[in-house]
Structure formats: structure tokens, C-alpha cells
Amino acid sequence: EAFVVCRGYSPPEGFVPSMENPLLEPEAGLALSGLSGPSRVIVPFVACGDLSAFDPDRTYPLQV
């Protein structure tokens, strides 16, 4: 599970939220190339743990 925390977020005027996920469509690469402005921003991602853990979000001891 991953999520983005937005502080001071204010959607653009006229924005209508939607549960659509265009990244799941086969043509996703084509759709991404047409994005511009705030829609084209890549958000930095911080992950916990590393490749040696079974759980990528491991922040607790595992008993294996």
C-alpha cells in the first residue's frame, strides 16, 4: 500500500474527483504522454525497508 500526503492541497477550479484509474488501461503510455501542467508532476516517493526484507513497508521486527 502506498499513498501521498498533500499539505495545503487546493484542487484546480472545476476539478471533479473520479475513481477512474487510466493507468490500468492498455493505452496508459499514450495517455501519460498527453499530460501537462500539474497533471504531469512526478511525486517523490519515500519507501521504508529495503530489498532484503519480505515486507517492503517493514518498520517492525519480523519473526521468521
PDB file of N, CA and C in Angstrom:
ATOM      1  N   GLU A   1       0.847  -1.166   0.000  1.00  0.00           N
ATOM      2  CA  GLU A   1       0.000   0.000   0.000  1.00  0.00           C
ATOM      3  C   GLU A   1       0.890   1.224   0.000  1.00  0.00           C
ATOM      4  N   ALA A   2       0.511   2.214  -0.778  1.00  0.00           N
ATOM      5  CA  ALA A   2       1.255   3.468  -0.832  1.00  0.00           C
ATOM      6  C   ALA A   2       0.259   4.613  -0.947  1.00  0.00           C
ATOM      7  N   PHE A   3       0.650   5.759  -0.449  1.00  0.00           N
ATOM      8  CA  PHE A   3      -0.231   6.917  -0.533  1.00  0.00           C
ATOM      9  C   PHE A   3       0.604   8.187  -0.513  1.00  0.00           C
ATOM     10  N   VAL A   4      -0.014   9.271  -0.920  1.00  0.00           N
ATOM     11  CA  VAL A   4       0.640  10.580  -0.936  1.00  0.00           C
ATOM     12  C   VAL A   4      -0.082  11.476   0.053  1.00  0.00           C
ATOM     13  N   VAL A   5       0.675  12.175   0.894  1.00  0.00           N
ATOM     14  CA  VAL A   5       0.090  13.128   1.840  1.00  0.00           C
ATOM     15  C   VAL A   5       0.291  14.519   1.259  1.00  0.00           C
ATOM     16  N   CYS A   6      -0.803  15.236   1.077  1.00  0.00           N
ATOM     17  CA  CYS A   6      -0.737  16.582   0.489  1.00  0.00           C
ATOM     18  C   CYS A   6      -1.064  17.614   1.559  1.00  0.00           C
ATOM     19  N   ARG A   7      -0.126  18.522   1.796  1.00  0.00           N
ATOM     20  CA  ARG A   7      -0.356  19.588   2.769  1.00  0.00           C
ATOM     21  C   ARG A   7      -0.721  20.845   2.002  1.00  0.00           C
ATOM     22  N   GLY A   8      -1.804  21.487   2.423  1.00  0.00           N
ATOM     23  CA  GLY A   8      -2.220  22.721   1.772  1.00  0.00           C
ATOM     24  C   GLY A   8      -2.783  22.488   0.376  1.00  0.00           C
ATOM     25  N   TYR A   9      -3.311  21.294   0.120  1.00  0.00           N
ATOM     26  CA  TYR A   9      -3.841  20.963  -1.207  1.00  0.00           C
ATOM     27  C   TYR A   9      -5.083  21.780  -1.526  1.00  0.00           C
ATOM     28  N   SER A  10      -5.121  22.307  -2.711  1.00  0.00           N
ATOM     29  CA  SER A  10      -6.285  23.044  -3.198  1.00  0.00           C
ATOM     30  C   SER A  10      -6.482  22.633  -4.655  1.00  0.00           C
ATOM     31  N   PRO A  11      -7.534  21.860  -4.955  1.00  0.00           N
ATOM     32  CA  PRO A  11      -7.707  21.392  -6.336  1.00  0.00           C
ATOM     33  C   PRO A  11      -7.969  22.555  -7.285  1.00  0.00           C
ATOM     34  N   PRO A  12      -7.624  22.372  -8.558  1.00  0.00           N
ATOM     35  CA  PRO A  12      -7.878  23.432  -9.536  1.00  0.00           C
ATOM     36  C   PRO A  12      -9.372  23.708  -9.662  1.00  0.00           C
ATOM     37  N   GLU A  13      -9.719  24.929 -10.010  1.00  0.00           N
ATOM     38  CA  GLU A  13     -11.121  25.293 -10.189  1.00  0.00           C
ATOM     39  C   GLU A  13     -11.744  24.391 -11.257  1.00  0.00           C
ATOM     40  N   GLY A  14     -12.919  23.864 -10.958  1.00  0.00           N
ATOM     41  CA  GLY A  14     -13.607  22.993 -11.902  1.00  0.00           C
ATOM     42  C   GLY A  14     -13.222  21.531 -11.799  1.00  0.00           C
ATOM     43  N   PHE A  15     -12.294  21.194 -10.891  1.00  0.00           N
ATOM     44  CA  PHE A  15     -11.857  19.803 -10.732  1.00  0.00           C
ATOM     45  C   PHE A  15     -13.012  18.941 -10.236  1.00  0.00           C
ATOM     46  N   VAL A  16     -13.201  17.796 -10.875  1.00  0.00           N
ATOM     47  CA  VAL A  16     -14.237  16.850 -10.464  1.00  0.00           C
ATOM     48  C   VAL A  16     -13.542  15.539 -10.114  1.00  0.00           C
ATOM     49  N   PRO A  17     -13.540  15.134  -8.828  1.00  0.00           N
ATOM     50  CA  PRO A  17     -12.868  13.892  -8.446  1.00  0.00           C
ATOM     51  C   PRO A  17     -13.518  12.685  -9.118  1.00  0.00           C
ATOM     52  N   SER A  18     -12.702  11.682  -9.390  1.00  0.00           N
ATOM     53  CA  SER A  18     -13.187  10.486 -10.076  1.00  0.00           C
ATOM     54  C   SER A  18     -12.424   9.268  -9.563  1.00  0.00           C
ATOM     55  N   MET A  19     -13.061   8.116  -9.575  1.00  0.00           N
ATOM     56  CA  MET A  19     -12.402   6.871  -9.172  1.00  0.00           C
ATOM     57  C   MET A  19     -11.768   6.166 -10.372  1.00  0.00           C
ATOM     58  N   GLU A  20     -11.773   6.804 -11.535  1.00  0.00           N
ATOM     59  CA  GLU A  20     -11.154   6.211 -12.720  1.00  0.00           C
ATOM     60  C   GLU A  20      -9.653   6.100 -12.506  1.00  0.00           C
ATOM     61  N   ASN A  21      -9.050   5.070 -13.046  1.00  0.00           N
ATOM     62  CA  ASN A  21      -7.607   4.913 -12.981  1.00  0.00           C
ATOM     63  C   ASN A  21      -7.088   4.629 -14.384  1.00  0.00           C
ATOM     64  N   PRO A  22      -6.747   5.679 -15.129  1.00  0.00           N
ATOM     65  CA  PRO A  22      -6.301   5.483 -16.506  1.00  0.00           C
ATOM     66  C   PRO A  22      -5.013   4.671 -16.622  1.00  0.00           C
ATOM     67  N   LEU A  23      -4.247   4.538 -15.537  1.00  0.00           N
ATOM     68  CA  LEU A  23      -3.007   3.768 -15.603  1.00  0.00           C
ATOM     69  C   LEU A  23      -3.269   2.282 -15.774  1.00  0.00           C
ATOM     70  N   LEU A  24      -4.502   1.820 -15.490  1.00  0.00           N
ATOM     71  CA  LEU A  24      -4.828   0.410 -15.650  1.00  0.00           C
ATOM     72  C   LEU A  24      -5.232   0.064 -17.079  1.00  0.00           C
ATOM     73  N   GLU A  25      -5.411   1.059 -17.912  1.00  0.00           N
ATOM     74  CA  GLU A  25      -5.814   0.827 -19.303  1.00  0.00           C
ATOM     75  C   GLU A  25      -4.604   0.434 -20.148  1.00  0.00           C
ATOM     76  N   PRO A  26      -4.805  -0.418 -21.168  1.00  0.00           N
ATOM     77  CA  PRO A  26      -3.684  -0.834 -22.034  1.00  0.00           C
ATOM     78  C   PRO A  26      -2.988   0.342 -22.722  1.00  0.00           C
ATOM     79  N   GLU A  27      -3.715   1.411 -22.988  1.00  0.00           N
ATOM     80  CA  GLU A  27      -3.136   2.565 -23.679  1.00  0.00           C
ATOM     81  C   GLU A  27      -2.547   3.581 -22.700  1.00  0.00           C
ATOM     82  N   ALA A  28      -2.225   3.170 -21.498  1.00  0.00           N
ATOM     83  CA  ALA A  28      -1.773   4.105 -20.452  1.00  0.00           C
ATOM     84  C   ALA A  28      -0.572   4.928 -20.896  1.00  0.00           C
ATOM     85  N   GLY A  29       0.380   4.321 -21.572  1.00  0.00           N
ATOM     86  CA  GLY A  29       1.564   5.055 -22.014  1.00  0.00           C
ATOM     87  C   GLY A  29       1.208   6.208 -22.925  1.00  0.00           C
ATOM     88  N   LEU A  30       0.244   5.992 -23.805  1.00  0.00           N
ATOM     89  CA  LEU A  30      -0.186   7.059 -24.714  1.00  0.00           C
ATOM     90  C   LEU A  30      -0.884   8.169 -23.947  1.00  0.00           C
ATOM     91  N   ALA A  31      -1.702   7.800 -22.966  1.00  0.00           N
ATOM     92  CA  ALA A  31      -2.429   8.797 -22.177  1.00  0.00           C
ATOM     93  C   ALA A  31      -1.459   9.658 -21.369  1.00  0.00           C
ATOM     94  N   LEU A  32      -0.418   9.049 -20.813  1.00  0.00           N
ATOM     95  CA  LEU A  32       0.541   9.795 -19.994  1.00  0.00           C
ATOM     96  C   LEU A  32       1.304  10.820 -20.817  1.00  0.00           C
ATOM     97  N   SER A  33       1.572  10.517 -22.076  1.00  0.00           N
ATOM     98  CA  SER A  33       2.341  11.452 -22.900  1.00  0.00           C
ATOM     99  C   SER A  33       1.557  12.734 -23.183  1.00  0.00           C
ATOM    100  N   GLY A  34       0.230  12.707 -23.022  1.00  0.00           N
ATOM    101  CA  GLY A  34      -0.581  13.888 -23.278  1.00  0.00           C
ATOM    102  C   GLY A  34      -0.810  14.759 -22.060  1.00  0.00           C
ATOM    103  N   LEU A  35      -0.271  14.375 -20.908  1.00  0.00           N
ATOM    104  CA  LEU A  35      -0.470  15.160 -19.688  1.00  0.00           C
ATOM    105  C   LEU A  35       0.395  16.418 -19.713  1.00  0.00           C
ATOM    106  N   SER A  36      -0.094  17.479 -19.050  1.00  0.00           N
ATOM    107  CA  SER A  36       0.683  18.714 -18.957  1.00  0.00           C
ATOM    108  C   SER A  36       0.360  19.414 -17.645  1.00  0.00           C
ATOM    109  N   GLY A  37       1.146  20.418 -17.314  1.00  0.00           N
ATOM    110  CA  GLY A  37       0.912  21.196 -16.099  1.00  0.00           C
ATOM    111  C   GLY A  37       0.979  20.345 -14.846  1.00  0.00           C
ATOM    112  N   PRO A  38       0.096  20.604 -13.866  1.00  0.00           N
ATOM    113  CA  PRO A  38       0.133  19.875 -12.600  1.00  0.00           C
ATOM    114  C   PRO A  38      -0.116  18.376 -12.769  1.00  0.00           C
ATOM    115  N   SER A  39      -0.793  17.983 -13.836  1.00  0.00           N
ATOM    116  CA  SER A  39      -1.065  16.565 -14.059  1.00  0.00           C
ATOM    117  C   SER A  39       0.187  15.794 -14.448  1.00  0.00           C
ATOM    118  N   ARG A  40       1.217  16.489 -14.853  1.00  0.00           N
ATOM    119  CA  ARG A  40       2.444  15.843 -15.313  1.00  0.00           C
ATOM    120  C   ARG A  40       3.487  15.742 -14.195  1.00  0.00           C
ATOM    121  N   VAL A  41       3.217  16.265 -13.014  1.00  0.00           N
ATOM    122  CA  VAL A  41       4.174  16.273 -11.913  1.00  0.00           C
ATOM    123  C   VAL A  41       4.419  14.857 -11.408  1.00  0.00           C
ATOM    124  N   ILE A  42       5.683  14.515 -11.185  1.00  0.00           N
ATOM    125  CA  ILE A  42       6.040  13.233 -10.594  1.00  0.00           C
ATOM    126  C   ILE A  42       6.330  13.482  -9.122  1.00  0.00           C
ATOM    127  N   VAL A  43       5.588  12.803  -8.253  1.00  0.00           N
ATOM    128  CA  VAL A  43       5.715  12.997  -6.813  1.00  0.00           C
ATOM    129  C   VAL A  43       6.850  12.124  -6.284  1.00  0.00           C
ATOM    130  N   PRO A  44       7.815  12.694  -5.538  1.00  0.00           N
ATOM    131  CA  PRO A  44       8.871  11.876  -4.940  1.00  0.00           C
ATOM    132  C   PRO A  44       8.252  10.857  -3.983  1.00  0.00           C
ATOM    133  N   PHE A  45       8.800   9.661  -3.956  1.00  0.00           N
ATOM    134  CA  PHE A  45       8.252   8.590  -3.132  1.00  0.00           C
ATOM    135  C   PHE A  45       9.303   8.134  -2.135  1.00  0.00           C
ATOM    136  N   VAL A  46       8.933   8.030  -0.870  1.00  0.00           N
ATOM    137  CA  VAL A  46       9.827   7.550   0.174  1.00  0.00           C
ATOM    138  C   VAL A  46       9.355   6.167   0.589  1.00  0.00           C
ATOM    139  N   ALA A  47      10.245   5.196   0.554  1.00  0.00           N
ATOM    140  CA  ALA A  47       9.879   3.825   0.914  1.00  0.00           C
ATOM    141  C   ALA A  47      10.570   3.434   2.211  1.00  0.00           C
ATOM    142  N   CYS A  48       9.933   2.550   2.958  1.00  0.00           N
ATOM    143  CA  CYS A  48      10.523   2.008   4.182  1.00  0.00           C
ATOM    144  C   CYS A  48      11.144   0.655   3.864  1.00  0.00           C
ATOM    145  N   GLY A  49      12.171   0.287   4.568  1.00  0.00           N
ATOM    146  CA  GLY A  49      12.782  -1.025   4.358  1.00  0.00           C
ATOM    147  C   GLY A  49      13.692  -1.029   3.145  1.00  0.00           C
ATOM    148  N   ASP A  50      14.096  -2.236   2.743  1.00  0.00           N
ATOM    149  CA  ASP A  50      14.940  -2.382   1.559  1.00  0.00           C
ATOM    150  C   ASP A  50      14.661  -3.737   0.917  1.00  0.00           C
ATOM    151  N   LEU A  51      15.451  -4.110  -0.059  1.00  0.00           N
ATOM    152  CA  LEU A  51      15.194  -5.338  -0.806  1.00  0.00           C
ATOM    153  C   LEU A  51      15.469  -6.603  -0.003  1.00  0.00           C
ATOM    154  N   SER A  52      16.087  -6.486   1.174  1.00  0.00           N
ATOM    155  CA  SER A  52      16.383  -7.679   1.968  1.00  0.00           C
ATOM    156  C   SER A  52      15.206  -8.090   2.848  1.00  0.00           C
ATOM    157  N   ALA A  53      14.158  -7.306   2.892  1.00  0.00           N
ATOM    158  CA  ALA A  53      13.011  -7.615   3.752  1.00  0.00           C
ATOM    159  C   ALA A  53      11.902  -8.275   2.941  1.00  0.00           C
ATOM    160  N   PHE A  54      11.094  -9.110   3.616  1.00  0.00           N
ATOM    161  CA  PHE A  54       9.949  -9.730   2.956  1.00  0.00           C
ATOM    162  C   PHE A  54       8.834  -8.721   2.746  1.00  0.00           C
ATOM    163  N   ASP A  55       8.752  -7.737   3.610  1.00  0.00           N
ATOM    164  CA  ASP A  55       7.690  -6.733   3.579  1.00  0.00           C
ATOM    165  C   ASP A  55       8.323  -5.383   3.248  1.00  0.00           C
ATOM    166  N   PRO A  56       7.993  -4.770   2.092  1.00  0.00           N
ATOM    167  CA  PRO A  56       8.636  -3.515   1.723  1.00  0.00           C
ATOM    168  C   PRO A  56       8.332  -2.365   2.677  1.00  0.00           C
ATOM    169  N   ASP A  57       7.268  -2.484   3.461  1.00  0.00           N
ATOM    170  CA  ASP A  57       6.929  -1.434   4.422  1.00  0.00           C
ATOM    171  C   ASP A  57       7.344  -1.819   5.834  1.00  0.00           C
ATOM    172  N   ARG A  58       8.304  -2.696   5.950  1.00  0.00           N
ATOM    173  CA  ARG A  58       8.697  -3.216   7.260  1.00  0.00           C
ATOM    174  C   ARG A  58       9.265  -2.111   8.141  1.00  0.00           C
ATOM    175  N   THR A  59       8.587  -1.853   9.222  1.00  0.00           N
ATOM    176  CA  THR A  59       9.085  -0.904  10.210  1.00  0.00           C
ATOM    177  C   THR A  59       9.017  -1.540  11.590  1.00  0.00           C
ATOM    178  N   TYR A  60       8.928  -2.856  11.603  1.00  0.00           N
ATOM    179  CA  TYR A  60       8.795  -3.615  12.842  1.00  0.00           C
ATOM    180  C   TYR A  60       9.601  -4.899  12.681  1.00  0.00           C
ATOM    181  N   PRO A  61      10.042  -5.506  13.782  1.00  0.00           N
ATOM    182  CA  PRO A  61      10.825  -6.744  13.674  1.00  0.00           C
ATOM    183  C   PRO A  61       9.957  -7.907  13.181  1.00  0.00           C
ATOM    184  N   LEU A  62      10.531  -8.733  12.311  1.00  0.00           N
ATOM    185  CA  LEU A  62       9.836  -9.923  11.820  1.00  0.00           C
ATOM    186  C   LEU A  62      10.399 -11.157  12.506  1.00  0.00           C
ATOM    187  N   GLN A  63       9.531 -12.078  12.852  1.00  0.00           N
ATOM    188  CA  GLN A  63       9.973 -13.357  13.409  1.00  0.00           C
ATOM    189  C   GLN A  63       9.760 -14.410  12.329  1.00  0.00           C
ATOM    190  N   VAL A  64      10.828 -14.749  11.618  1.00  0.00           N
ATOM    191  CA  VAL A  64      10.711 -15.692  10.501  1.00  0.00           C
ATOM    192  C   VAL A  64      11.261 -17.046  10.869  1.00  0.00           C
TER     193      VAL A  64
END
